[in-house]
Amino acid sequence: MTTNQTLKQRLDADLRDAMRAGEETRKNTLRLLVTAVRNAEIPPEKSEGAQGPQRVELTDDAVLDIIRRQVKQRQDSIEAFTKANRDDLRAIEEAELAILQVYLPAQMGRDEVEAAARAVIERVGARGPADKGKVMGPVMAELRDKADGRMINAVVTELLAAL
């Protein structure tokens, strides 16, 4: 990826590469993602001028939010398919999840999340599980884009229960 290439341009280029290589899962996943990005570019009022509807150019952060939503959908589907013993469908969702995660920033490990959560717990003076609300806001703000929200929640819950 060149430094001047936006995330949207990278997705388009990767989709073309997947089509040329005949990688069906990657192609289908990226097509859905590119479509979601393009749909987000259409303004809600759908104002049409002489040249048709005007599109809004999304920032990389806005595209990342769309990717995060897609990742969360896959994670929820994996959980549901696991409960339903549908290993065939779970495998498809896991493959799509792996493709989407390539576009997200590197995620922190559990130890790093735990260290950050301990620092916030100490900073806000939390004394137990009742203080979870005081801790979660600052931790989520600090670790946004760097760690999975479910893991953060589990770590904070465990740390506060141990107090």
Foldseek 3Di string as FASTA:
>chain_A
DDPPAFLLNVLVVVLVVCVVVVVVLLNVLSVVLNVLQQVVQFDPVQDQDPVGGDGHDDHSVVSLVSLVVLLVVLVVVLVVCVVVVNVVVNVSSVVSNVSSCVSAPEADDLVVLLVLLVVQCVVVVQQAPVCLVVRLVVSCVVCPSHHDPVSNSVSNNVVRHVD
